[in-house]
């Protein structure tokens, strides 16, 4: 019975999470960055400055800027990009408001687990 209570409590916590299943605007993400720091988020925008790099152990990764009319965030994803500059995309990953990495500070970045092109959008992105 205790196992069922723990499981039910865990599920309730997931359902109450601020980013559970909801897509955020880039503006909302940046305005409430502390709330979303190290939390899973989903954001829609336009890809720009797509760049492929080689990381440790010769594993490829890519970065790009995800932007809308009001702002932008940097996205990093493992693998090779299946998108181009100007593509409308949905990004899901963990948002980093600010974190030290050696001598640099990473700010406003999504460490993506999913990057999906949105081919059927007929209206401009609203943000």
Protein backbone atom coordinates (compact mmCIF):
# COMPACT_ATOMS: atom_id res chain seq x y z
CA UNK A 1 0.00 0.00 0.00
CA UNK A 2 2.85 2.38 0.80
CA UNK A 3 4.22 1.82 -2.72
CA UNK A 4 0.86 2.83 -4.20
CA UNK A 5 0.79 6.01 -2.09
CA UNK A 6 4.29 6.98 -3.18
CA UNK A 7 3.45 6.31 -6.83
CA UNK A 8 0.20 8.29 -6.60
CA UNK A 9 2.02 11.17 -4.91
CA UNK A 10 4.69 11.15 -7.60
CA UNK A 11 2.10 11.23 -10.37
CA UNK A 12 0.26 14.09 -8.71
CA UNK A 13 3.55 16.02 -8.54
CA UNK A 14 4.17 15.46 -12.23
CA UNK A 15 0.68 16.62 -13.15
CA UNK A 16 1.10 19.78 -11.10
CA UNK A 17 4.49 20.71 -12.63
CA UNK A 18 4.37 24.13 -14.31
CA UNK A 19 5.66 22.92 -17.67
CA UNK A 20 3.79 19.61 -17.81
CA UNK A 21 2.52 19.31 -21.35
CA UNK A 22 2.30 23.06 -21.89
CA UNK A 23 4.16 24.91 -24.61
CA UNK A 24 5.67 28.19 -23.46
CA UNK A 25 6.43 31.30 -25.44
CA UNK A 26 10.07 32.38 -25.43
CA UNK A 27 8.99 35.61 -23.75
CA UNK A 28 7.29 33.73 -20.91
CA UNK A 29 10.31 31.45 -20.52
CA UNK A 30 12.71 34.40 -20.26
CA UNK A 31 10.45 36.50 -17.98
CA UNK A 32 10.02 33.59 -15.54
CA UNK A 33 13.42 31.97 -16.06
CA UNK A 34 14.04 31.26 -12.37
CA UNK A 35 10.76 29.32 -12.19
CA UNK A 36 11.76 27.13 -15.17
CA UNK A 37 15.49 26.76 -14.33
CA UNK A 38 16.49 23.08 -14.63
CA UNK A 39 12.90 22.13 -15.51
CA UNK A 40 11.60 20.42 -18.66
CA UNK A 41 10.05 22.89 -21.08
CA UNK A 42 8.51 22.87 -24.57
CA UNK A 43 8.92 25.96 -26.74
CA UNK A 44 8.00 26.77 -30.35
CA UNK A 45 9.91 29.22 -32.52
CA UNK A 46 12.05 29.75 -35.59
CA UNK A 47 15.53 28.23 -35.94
CA UNK A 48 18.46 30.53 -36.77
CA UNK A 49 22.25 30.26 -36.77
CA UNK A 50 22.24 26.43 -37.00
CA UNK A 51 25.79 25.14 -36.43
CA UNK A 52 27.15 21.58 -36.23
CA UNK A 53 30.09 20.79 -33.96
CA UNK A 54 32.05 17.76 -32.82
CA UNK A 55 32.14 17.12 -29.09
CA UNK A 56 34.06 14.75 -26.85
CA UNK A 57 34.65 11.27 -28.25
CA UNK A 58 33.93 12.61 -31.77
CA UNK A 59 30.19 12.78 -31.13
CA UNK A 60 28.35 15.39 -33.19
CA UNK A 61 26.04 17.96 -31.66
CA UNK A 62 24.46 21.13 -32.93
CA UNK A 63 23.38 24.47 -31.63
CA UNK A 64 20.93 27.04 -32.88
CA UNK A 65 19.05 30.11 -31.76
CA UNK A 66 15.32 29.60 -31.22
CA UNK A 67 13.55 32.91 -31.69
CA UNK A 68 10.15 34.50 -31.89
CA UNK A 69 9.10 38.13 -32.23
CA UNK A 70 10.04 39.04 -28.64
CA UNK A 71 13.17 37.07 -27.80
CA UNK A 72 15.50 34.15 -28.28
CA UNK A 73 17.21 31.28 -26.46
CA UNK A 74 20.11 29.05 -27.44
CA UNK A 75 19.42 25.35 -28.01
CA UNK A 76 21.94 22.50 -27.89
CA UNK A 77 21.12 18.98 -29.10
CA UNK A 78 23.14 15.81 -29.64
CA UNK A 79 23.38 14.38 -33.16
CA UNK A 80 23.18 16.00 -36.57
CA UNK A 81 20.60 18.68 -37.34
CA UNK A 82 17.52 17.81 -39.36
CA UNK A 83 16.51 21.45 -39.66
CA UNK A 84 17.60 24.58 -41.48
CA UNK A 85 17.71 28.27 -40.71
CA UNK A 86 14.18 29.67 -40.88
CA UNK A 87 12.41 26.40 -40.02
CA UNK A 88 9.55 26.50 -37.52
CA UNK A 89 10.42 24.01 -34.77
CA UNK A 90 9.22 22.69 -31.43
CA UNK A 91 11.95 22.13 -28.85
CA UNK A 92 11.58 20.05 -25.70
CA UNK A 93 14.37 19.90 -23.13
CA UNK A 94 15.74 21.23 -19.86
CA UNK A 95 16.00 25.01 -19.53
CA UNK A 96 19.15 26.48 -17.99
CA UNK A 97 18.70 30.07 -16.78
CA UNK A 98 22.33 30.42 -15.69
CA UNK A 99 25.15 27.97 -14.90
CA UNK A 100 28.92 28.20 -14.65
CA UNK A 101 30.82 25.95 -17.07
CA UNK A 102 34.54 26.37 -16.51
CA UNK A 103 35.43 29.99 -17.24
CA UNK A 104 32.16 30.77 -19.01
CA UNK A 105 28.61 31.20 -17.84
CA UNK A 106 25.80 29.51 -19.78
CA UNK A 107 22.61 31.56 -19.84
CA UNK A 108 19.15 31.07 -21.32
CA UNK A 109 19.83 27.70 -22.95
CA UNK A 110 17.67 24.65 -23.60
CA UNK A 111 19.48 21.33 -23.48
CA UNK A 112 17.14 19.61 -25.91
CA UNK A 113 15.99 16.01 -26.00
CA UNK A 114 13.54 16.61 -28.88
CA UNK A 115 13.74 19.02 -31.81
CA UNK A 116 10.85 18.61 -34.25
CA UNK A 117 10.12 20.56 -37.41
CA UNK A 118 6.61 21.97 -37.70
CA UNK A 119 5.90 21.57 -41.41
CA UNK A 120 2.19 22.35 -41.39
CA UNK A 121 2.18 25.77 -39.75
CA UNK A 122 0.20 28.18 -41.91
CA UNK A 123 0.05 31.10 -39.45
CA UNK A 124 3.00 33.15 -38.19
CA UNK A 125 4.42 32.11 -34.84
CA UNK A 126 3.03 34.14 -31.97
CA UNK A 127 5.25 34.87 -29.03
